[in-house]
C-alpha atoms as a PDB file:
ATOM      1  CA  MET A   1      -5.907  22.477   7.457  1.00  0.00           C
ATOM      2  CA  VAL A   2      -5.190  19.505   6.046  1.00  0.00           C
ATOM      3  CA  ALA A   3      -7.540  16.815   5.937  1.00  0.00           C
ATOM      4  CA  ASN A   4      -7.009  13.289   7.388  1.00  0.00           C
ATOM      5  CA  VAL A   5      -7.736  10.567   4.877  1.00  0.00           C
ATOM      6  CA  LEU A   6      -6.975   8.105   7.846  1.00  0.00           C
ATOM      7  CA  LYS A   7      -6.457   8.518  11.215  1.00  0.00           C
ATOM      8  CA  ILE A   8      -5.557   5.657  13.265  1.00  0.00           C
ATOM      9  CA  ILE A   9      -6.145   6.193  17.385  1.00  0.00           C
ATOM     10  CA  ASN A  10      -5.121   3.092  19.524  1.00  0.00           C
ATOM     11  CA  LEU A  11      -5.751   0.304  17.293  1.00  0.00           C
ATOM     12  CA  LYS A  12      -5.050  -3.249  18.916  1.00  0.00           C
ATOM     13  CA  VAL A  13      -5.372  -6.605  16.918  1.00  0.00           C
ATOM     14  CA  ALA A  14      -4.905 -10.131  19.120  1.00  0.00           C
ATOM     15  CA  TYR A  15      -5.137 -13.281  17.363  1.00  0.00           C
ATOM     16  CA  GLY A  16      -6.151 -15.914  20.270  1.00  0.00           C
ATOM     17  CA  GLY A  17      -3.481 -14.684  23.140  1.00  0.00           C
ATOM     18  CA  ILE A  18      -1.077 -13.248  20.728  1.00  0.00           C
ATOM     19  CA  GLN A  19      -1.448  -9.180  20.707  1.00  0.00           C
ATOM     20  CA  ALA A  20       0.188  -8.523  16.847  1.00  0.00           C
ATOM     21  CA  VAL A  21      -0.331  -4.569  17.063  1.00  0.00           C
ATOM     22  CA  LYS A  22      -0.534  -2.870  20.620  1.00  0.00           C
ATOM     23  CA  GLY A  23      -2.243   0.169  20.478  1.00  0.00           C
ATOM     24  CA  ILE A  24      -0.811   2.210  17.619  1.00  0.00           C
ATOM     25  CA  ASP A  25      -1.642   5.980  16.238  1.00  0.00           C
ATOM     26  CA  LEU A  26      -1.077   6.748  12.634  1.00  0.00           C
ATOM     27  CA  GLU A  27      -2.126   9.403  10.370  1.00  0.00           C
ATOM     28  CA  VAL A  28      -2.363   9.803   6.608  1.00  0.00           C
ATOM     29  CA  ASN A  29      -3.221  13.053   5.238  1.00  0.00           C
ATOM     30  CA  LYS A  30      -4.289  13.874   1.663  1.00  0.00           C
ATOM     31  CA  GLY A  31      -1.623  13.940  -1.048  1.00  0.00           C
ATOM     32  CA  GLU A  32       0.973  12.548   1.411  1.00  0.00           C
ATOM     33  CA  LEU A  33       3.342   9.075   0.526  1.00  0.00           C
ATOM     34  CA  ILE A  34       3.481   8.110   4.093  1.00  0.00           C
ATOM     35  CA  THR A  35       5.550   4.764   4.732  1.00  0.00           C
ATOM     36  CA  LEU A  36       5.472   2.413   7.498  1.00  0.00           C
ATOM     37  CA  ILE A  37       8.684   0.046   8.008  1.00  0.00           C
ATOM     38  CA  GLY A  38      10.228  -2.354  10.527  1.00  0.00           C
ATOM     39  CA  ALA A  39      11.049  -6.035  10.853  1.00  0.00           C
ATOM     40  CA  ASN A  40       9.246  -9.282   9.639  1.00  0.00           C
ATOM     41  CA  GLY A  41       6.656  -9.774  12.510  1.00  0.00           C
ATOM     42  CA  ALA A  42       6.389  -6.501  13.633  1.00  0.00           C
ATOM     43  CA  GLY A  43       2.705  -5.906  12.877  1.00  0.00           C
ATOM     44  CA  LYS A  44       2.804  -4.088   9.807  1.00  0.00           C
ATOM     45  CA  THR A  45       0.948  -6.289   7.189  1.00  0.00           C
ATOM     46  CA  THR A  46      -1.972  -7.022  10.351  1.00  0.00           C
ATOM     47  CA  THR A  47      -2.085  -2.889  10.387  1.00  0.00           C
ATOM     48  CA  LEU A  48      -2.857  -2.786   7.029  1.00  0.00           C
ATOM     49  CA  LYS A  49      -5.656  -5.989   7.113  1.00  0.00           C
ATOM     50  CA  ALA A  50      -7.017  -4.667  10.038  1.00  0.00           C
ATOM     51  CA  ILE A  51      -8.001  -1.140   7.720  1.00  0.00           C
ATOM     52  CA  THR A  52      -8.714  -3.365   5.112  1.00  0.00           C
ATOM     53  CA  GLY A  53     -11.152  -5.604   7.386  1.00  0.00           C
ATOM     54  CA  THR A  54      -9.320  -8.351   6.206  1.00  0.00           C
ATOM     55  CA  LEU A  55      -8.170  -9.865   8.988  1.00  0.00           C
ATOM     56  CA  PRO A  56      -9.276 -13.543   9.844  1.00  0.00           C
ATOM     57  CA  ALA A  57     -10.943 -14.044  12.919  1.00  0.00           C
ATOM     58  CA  CYS A  58      -9.161 -11.390  15.979  1.00  0.00           C
ATOM     59  CA  LYS A  59      -9.607  -9.116  17.933  1.00  0.00           C
ATOM     60  CA  VAL A  60      -9.514  -5.518  16.894  1.00  0.00           C
ATOM     61  CA  GLU A  61     -10.170  -2.488  19.106  1.00  0.00           C
ATOM     62  CA  GLY A  62      -9.452   1.140  18.944  1.00  0.00           C
ATOM     63  CA  ASP A  63     -10.648   3.738  16.090  1.00  0.00           C
ATOM     64  CA  MET A  64     -10.245   3.410  12.627  1.00  0.00           C
ATOM     65  CA  HIS A  65     -11.693   6.942  10.453  1.00  0.00           C
ATOM     66  CA  TYR A  66     -10.838   6.807   6.520  1.00  0.00           C
ATOM     67  CA  MET A  67     -12.228   9.992   4.729  1.00  0.00           C
ATOM     68  CA  GLY A  68     -13.653  11.027   8.070  1.00  0.00           C
ATOM     69  CA  ALA A  69     -16.008   7.953   8.706  1.00  0.00           C
ATOM     70  CA  SER A  70     -15.744   5.400  10.876  1.00  0.00           C
ATOM     71  CA  ILE A  71     -14.354   2.339   8.906  1.00  0.00           C
ATOM     72  CA  LYS A  72     -14.137  -0.409  11.963  1.00  0.00           C
ATOM     73  CA  GLY A  73     -15.619  -3.618  10.853  1.00  0.00           C
ATOM     74  CA  LYS A  74     -16.643  -2.590   7.748  1.00  0.00           C
ATOM     75  CA  GLU A  75     -16.470  -5.354   5.290  1.00  0.00           C
ATOM     76  CA  SER A  76     -13.842  -5.031   2.451  1.00  0.00           C
ATOM     77  CA  PHE A  77     -15.990  -4.936  -0.420  1.00  0.00           C
ATOM     78  CA  LYS A  78     -17.579  -1.404   0.710  1.00  0.00           C
ATOM     79  CA  LEU A  79     -14.551   0.099   1.584  1.00  0.00           C
ATOM     80  CA  VAL A  80     -13.116  -0.172  -2.464  1.00  0.00           C
ATOM     81  CA  ARG A  81     -16.494   1.283  -3.657  1.00  0.00           C
ATOM     82  CA  ASN A  82     -15.551   3.985  -1.275  1.00  0.00           C
ATOM     83  CA  ASN A  83     -12.445   4.394  -2.967  1.00  0.00           C
ATOM     84  CA  LEU A  84      -9.930   2.515  -0.810  1.00  0.00           C
ATOM     85  CA  ALA A  85      -7.691   0.093  -2.888  1.00  0.00           C
ATOM     86  CA  MET A  86      -4.481  -2.519  -1.744  1.00  0.00           C
ATOM     87  CA  VAL A  87      -2.040  -4.172  -2.975  1.00  0.00           C
ATOM     88  CA  PRO A  88      -1.367  -7.232  -1.018  1.00  0.00           C
ATOM     89  CA  GLU A  89       1.836  -8.930  -0.421  1.00  0.00           C
ATOM     90  CA  GLY A  90       2.277 -11.440  -3.231  1.00  0.00           C
ATOM     91  CA  ARG A  91       0.157  -9.060  -5.485  1.00  0.00           C
ATOM     92  CA  GLY A  92      -3.218 -11.415  -5.605  1.00  0.00           C
ATOM     93  CA  VAL A  93      -3.368 -10.885  -9.594  1.00  0.00           C
ATOM     94  CA  PHE A  94      -5.997 -12.731 -11.235  1.00  0.00           C
ATOM     95  CA  THR A  95      -3.200 -15.515 -13.044  1.00  0.00           C
ATOM     96  CA  ARG A  96      -5.902 -16.574 -15.459  1.00  0.00           C
ATOM     97  CA  MET A  97      -6.668 -13.473 -16.835  1.00  0.00           C
ATOM     98  CA  SER A  98      -5.472 -11.033 -19.358  1.00  0.00           C
ATOM     99  CA  ILE A  99      -3.204  -7.999 -18.693  1.00  0.00           C
ATOM    100  CA  LYS A 100      -6.232  -6.132 -19.794  1.00  0.00           C
ATOM    101  CA  GLU A 101      -9.253  -8.202 -18.144  1.00  0.00           C
ATOM    102  CA  ASN A 102      -6.999  -7.496 -14.807  1.00  0.00           C
ATOM    103  CA  LEU A 103      -7.086  -4.137 -15.387  1.00  0.00           C
ATOM    104  CA  MET A 104     -10.848  -4.155 -15.957  1.00  0.00           C
ATOM    105  CA  MET A 105     -11.482  -6.062 -12.719  1.00  0.00           C
ATOM    106  CA  GLY A 106     -10.009  -2.802 -10.783  1.00  0.00           C
ATOM    107  CA  ALA A 107     -12.515  -1.069 -12.227  1.00  0.00           C
ATOM    108  CA  PHE A 108     -15.457  -3.053 -11.552  1.00  0.00           C
ATOM    109  CA  THR A 109     -17.281  -0.021  -9.379  1.00  0.00           C
ATOM    110  CA  ARG A 110     -17.154   2.440 -11.927  1.00  0.00           C
ATOM    111  CA  ASN A 111     -19.357   2.323 -15.016  1.00  0.00           C
ATOM    112  CA  ASP A 112     -17.555   5.563 -17.077  1.00  0.00           C
ATOM    113  CA  LYS A 113     -16.798   2.929 -20.338  1.00  0.00           C
ATOM    114  CA  ALA A 114     -15.073   5.599 -21.781  1.00  0.00           C
ATOM    115  CA  GLY A 115     -13.158   6.870 -18.432  1.00  0.00           C
ATOM    116  CA  ILE A 116     -12.513   3.851 -17.980  1.00  0.00           C
ATOM    117  CA  GLU A 117     -10.550   2.754 -21.740  1.00  0.00           C
ATOM    118  CA  ALA A 118      -8.512   5.950 -20.897  1.00  0.00           C
ATOM    119  CA  ASP A 119      -7.321   4.935 -17.675  1.00  0.00           C
ATOM    120  CA  ILE A 120      -6.404   1.837 -19.258  1.00  0.00           C
ATOM    121  CA  ASP A 121      -4.349   3.767 -21.854  1.00  0.00           C
ATOM    122  CA  LYS A 122      -2.766   5.727 -18.997  1.00  0.00           C
ATOM    123  CA  TRP A 123      -1.639   3.167 -17.209  1.00  0.00           C
ATOM    124  CA  PHE A 124       0.002   1.591 -20.062  1.00  0.00           C
ATOM    125  CA  GLY A 125       1.613   4.657 -20.616  1.00  0.00           C
ATOM    126  CA  VAL A 126       3.433   3.962 -16.802  1.00  0.00           C
ATOM    127  CA  PHE A 127       4.167   0.464 -17.424  1.00  0.00           C
ATOM    128  CA  PRO A 128       4.908  -0.085 -20.903  1.00  0.00           C
ATOM    129  CA  ARG A 129       5.979  -3.281 -20.595  1.00  0.00           C
ATOM    130  CA  LEU A 130       1.726  -4.230 -19.560  1.00  0.00           C
ATOM    131  CA  LYS A 131       1.244  -2.464 -22.937  1.00  0.00           C
ATOM    132  CA  GLU A 132       3.431  -5.008 -24.970  1.00  0.00           C
ATOM    133  CA  ARG A 133       1.779  -7.931 -22.761  1.00  0.00           C
ATOM    134  CA  ALA A 134      -1.672  -6.658 -23.159  1.00  0.00           C
ATOM    135  CA  SER A 135      -3.656 -10.018 -23.712  1.00  0.00           C
ATOM    136  CA  GLN A 136      -0.923 -12.025 -22.465  1.00  0.00           C
ATOM    137  CA  MET A 137      -2.249 -14.426 -18.650  1.00  0.00           C
ATOM    138  CA  ALA A 138      -1.098 -12.472 -15.765  1.00  0.00           C
ATOM    139  CA  GLY A 139       0.203 -15.947 -14.882  1.00  0.00           C
ATOM    140  CA  THR A 140       3.300 -15.618 -17.040  1.00  0.00           C
ATOM    141  CA  LEU A 141       4.513 -12.878 -16.475  1.00  0.00           C
ATOM    142  CA  SER A 142       7.339 -12.060 -14.130  1.00  0.00           C
ATOM    143  CA  GLY A 143       6.993 -11.293 -10.247  1.00  0.00           C
ATOM    144  CA  GLY A 144       7.841  -7.186 -11.095  1.00  0.00           C
ATOM    145  CA  GLU A 145       5.700  -7.450 -14.305  1.00  0.00           C
ATOM    146  CA  GLN A 146       2.975  -8.853 -11.766  1.00  0.00           C
ATOM    147  CA  GLN A 147       3.404  -6.510  -9.541  1.00  0.00           C
ATOM    148  CA  MET A 148       2.901  -3.337 -11.869  1.00  0.00           C
ATOM    149  CA  LEU A 149      -0.168  -5.337 -12.771  1.00  0.00           C
ATOM    150  CA  ALA A 150      -1.356  -5.213  -9.402  1.00  0.00           C
ATOM    151  CA  MET A 151      -0.282  -1.478  -8.717  1.00  0.00           C
ATOM    152  CA  ALA A 152      -1.846  -1.095 -12.045  1.00  0.00           C
ATOM    153  CA  ARG A 153      -5.218  -2.849 -11.478  1.00  0.00           C
ATOM    154  CA  ALA A 154      -5.464  -1.235  -7.939  1.00  0.00           C
ATOM    155  CA  LEU A 155      -5.351   2.464  -9.434  1.00  0.00           C
ATOM    156  CA  MET A 156      -8.409   2.048 -11.573  1.00  0.00           C
ATOM    157  CA  SER A 157     -10.347   2.156  -8.825  1.00  0.00           C
ATOM    158  CA  HIS A 158      -9.563   6.286  -8.841  1.00  0.00           C
ATOM    159  CA  PRO A 159      -8.071   5.123  -4.969  1.00  0.00           C
ATOM    160  CA  ASN A 160      -8.625   8.122  -2.769  1.00  0.00           C
ATOM    161  CA  LEU A 161      -5.970   6.288  -0.446  1.00  0.00           C
ATOM    162  CA  LEU A 162      -3.681   3.228  -1.791  1.00  0.00           C
ATOM    163  CA  LEU A 163      -2.357   0.900   0.523  1.00  0.00           C
ATOM    164  CA  LEU A 164       0.965  -0.984  -0.416  1.00  0.00           C
ATOM    165  CA  ASP A 165       1.808  -4.265   1.142  1.00  0.00           C
ATOM    166  CA  GLU A 166       5.458  -5.103   1.100  1.00  0.00           C
ATOM    167  CA  PRO A 167       6.107  -4.085  -2.932  1.00  0.00           C
ATOM    168  CA  SER A 168       9.803  -5.274  -3.298  1.00  0.00           C
ATOM    169  CA  MET A 169       9.191  -8.096  -1.876  1.00  0.00           C
ATOM    170  CA  GLY A 170      11.291 -10.594  -3.834  1.00  0.00           C
ATOM    171  CA  LEU A 171      12.290  -8.697  -6.967  1.00  0.00           C
ATOM    172  CA  SER A 172      15.278  -8.243  -8.518  1.00  0.00           C
ATOM    173  CA  PRO A 173      17.803  -5.221  -7.549  1.00  0.00           C
ATOM    174  CA  ILE A 174      16.586  -3.133 -11.284  1.00  0.00           C
ATOM    175  CA  MET A 175      13.017  -3.838 -10.828  1.00  0.00           C
ATOM    176  CA  VAL A 176      12.584  -2.795  -7.459  1.00  0.00           C
ATOM    177  CA  GLU A 177      14.410   0.373  -8.497  1.00  0.00           C
ATOM    178  CA  LYS A 178      11.347   0.550 -11.451  1.00  0.00           C
ATOM    179  CA  ILE A 179       8.642  -0.063  -8.436  1.00  0.00           C
ATOM    180  CA  PHE A 180      10.118   2.902  -6.863  1.00  0.00           C
ATOM    181  CA  GLU A 181      10.259   5.209  -9.586  1.00  0.00           C
ATOM    182  CA  VAL A 182       6.544   4.416 -10.298  1.00  0.00           C
ATOM    183  CA  ILE A 183       5.657   5.050  -6.715  1.00  0.00           C
ATOM    184  CA  ARG A 184       7.117   8.468  -6.514  1.00  0.00           C
ATOM    185  CA  ASN A 185       5.311   8.933 -10.381  1.00  0.00           C
ATOM    186  CA  VAL A 186       1.866   8.034  -8.493  1.00  0.00           C
ATOM    187  CA  SER A 187       2.862   9.972  -5.700  1.00  0.00           C
ATOM    188  CA  ALA A 188       3.515  13.513  -7.536  1.00  0.00           C
ATOM    189  CA  GLN A 189      -0.048  12.762  -9.078  1.00  0.00           C
ATOM    190  CA  GLY A 190      -1.707  13.775  -5.815  1.00  0.00           C
ATOM    191  CA  ILE A 191      -2.454  10.061  -5.062  1.00  0.00           C
ATOM    192  CA  THR A 192      -2.523   9.619  -0.871  1.00  0.00           C
ATOM    193  CA  ILE A 193      -0.248   6.259  -0.356  1.00  0.00           C
ATOM    194  CA  LEU A 194       0.192   4.186   2.803  1.00  0.00           C
ATOM    195  CA  LEU A 195       3.742   2.149   1.920  1.00  0.00           C
ATOM    196  CA  VAL A 196       4.470  -0.814   4.144  1.00  0.00           C
ATOM    197  CA  GLU A 197       8.176  -1.752   2.855  1.00  0.00           C
ATOM    198  CA  GLN A 198      11.166  -3.770   4.416  1.00  0.00           C
ATOM    199  CA  ASN A 199      13.518  -1.537   2.140  1.00  0.00           C
ATOM    200  CA  ALA A 200      13.445   1.117   4.852  1.00  0.00           C
ATOM    201  CA  LYS A 201      16.169   3.235   2.986  1.00  0.00           C
ATOM    202  CA  LEU A 202      13.436   3.612  -0.546  1.00  0.00           C
ATOM    203  CA  ALA A 203      11.003   3.770   1.383  1.00  0.00           C
ATOM    204  CA  LEU A 204      12.219   7.365   3.679  1.00  0.00           C
ATOM    205  CA  GLN A 205      13.551   7.795   0.403  1.00  0.00           C
ATOM    206  CA  ALA A 206      10.171   7.951  -1.518  1.00  0.00           C
ATOM    207  CA  ALA A 207       8.319   9.323   1.247  1.00  0.00           C
ATOM    208  CA  HIS A 208       7.198  12.265   2.698  1.00  0.00           C
ATOM    209  CA  ARG A 209       6.965  11.260   6.426  1.00  0.00           C
ATOM    210  CA  GLY A 210       7.235   7.863   8.245  1.00  0.00           C
ATOM    211  CA  TYR A 211       6.528   5.226  11.043  1.00  0.00           C
ATOM    212  CA  VAL A 212       8.658   2.904  12.620  1.00  0.00           C
ATOM    213  CA  MET A 213       7.002  -0.336  13.554  1.00  0.00           C
ATOM    214  CA  ASP A 214       8.719  -2.887  16.459  1.00  0.00           C
ATOM    215  CA  SER A 215       7.142  -5.714  18.174  1.00  0.00           C
ATOM    216  CA  GLY A 216       3.273  -3.974  17.861  1.00  0.00           C
ATOM    217  CA  TYR A 217       4.543  -0.307  19.085  1.00  0.00           C
ATOM    218  CA  ILE A 218       5.053   2.689  17.258  1.00  0.00           C
ATOM    219  CA  THR A 219       8.411   3.344  18.185  1.00  0.00           C
ATOM    220  CA  MET A 220       9.263   6.405  16.103  1.00  0.00           C
ATOM    221  CA  SER A 221       7.817   8.604  13.534  1.00  0.00           C
ATOM    222  CA  GLY A 222       8.331  12.056  11.822  1.00  0.00           C
ATOM    223  CA  ASP A 223       9.765  13.527   8.344  1.00  0.00           C
ATOM    224  CA  ALA A 224      11.168  11.091   6.232  1.00  0.00           C
ATOM    225  CA  LYS A 225      14.318  12.792   5.109  1.00  0.00           C
ATOM    226  CA  ASP A 226      15.229  13.517   8.776  1.00  0.00           C
ATOM    227  CA  MET A 227      14.948   9.525  10.028  1.00  0.00           C
ATOM    228  CA  LEU A 228      16.767   8.517   6.826  1.00  0.00           C
ATOM    229  CA  ASN A 229      19.663  10.465   9.259  1.00  0.00           C
ATOM    230  CA  ASP A 230      18.756   9.102  12.586  1.00  0.00           C
ATOM    231  CA  PRO A 231      21.372   7.285  13.863  1.00  0.00           C
ATOM    232  CA  LYS A 232      19.187   4.565  15.415  1.00  0.00           C
ATOM    233  CA  VAL A 233      17.133   4.645  12.183  1.00  0.00           C
ATOM    234  CA  LYS A 234      20.262   3.265  10.464  1.00  0.00           C
ATOM    235  CA  GLU A 235      21.822   1.244  12.971  1.00  0.00           C
ATOM    236  CA  ALA A 236      18.526  -0.618  12.624  1.00  0.00           C
ATOM    237  CA  TYR A 237      17.132  -0.851   9.755  1.00  0.00           C
ATOM    238  CA  LEU A 238      19.239   0.748   6.920  1.00  0.00           C
ATOM    239  CA  GLY A 239      22.576  -1.096   7.918  1.00  0.00           C
ATOM    240  CA  GLU A 240      24.517   1.815   8.759  1.00  0.00           C
ATOM    241  CA  GLY A 241      25.956   2.968  12.267  1.00  0.00           C
END
């Protein structure tokens, strides 16, 4: 039987009187690349923030289990120590630190110096643009390069689960293709990923399974390839139909 890395049961999130997430179920199994798609305001980012304990003051109900243990109400820094990593919307790199220093920050929970250096070399191999600019300040990079850096930094923590929030947002079409090439590469290495993404077509092409979120509900889920061919998904999210 496949082990759940993440299991969400009846998750509800309310800000004041506004119910942003209205009782969703979602699971991610070891080695899977799962995508959560939907329109702006559907509740996708709120769901990721609920998982990572990074929401502002709000009411969270339901159960969230990561690696078999409840993480409801758990502080985000403890989740990082338990190898749960997130690349937030807007990337969030340390702009006044060099690329290499950013990568070292990704490994702050580790103390295996030789392993950290080996991983920096590994991700420089995957992201050659970063290697060329290793000593450059992260704030001087383009949006696409910052996205690569944010992903590499998260991967330095050896995550059991990598959460990606809108990695293609604001990037040129060429850079979007590059980012998805990297996501597929990382998934092929057996790293478990939950991807929130507005580019539904690329997300479903890369994923094993998909969930559609609309107005705080999960309205559809299933095999990603089947969803690509579903008339409702085509019409609503792929601009086809």
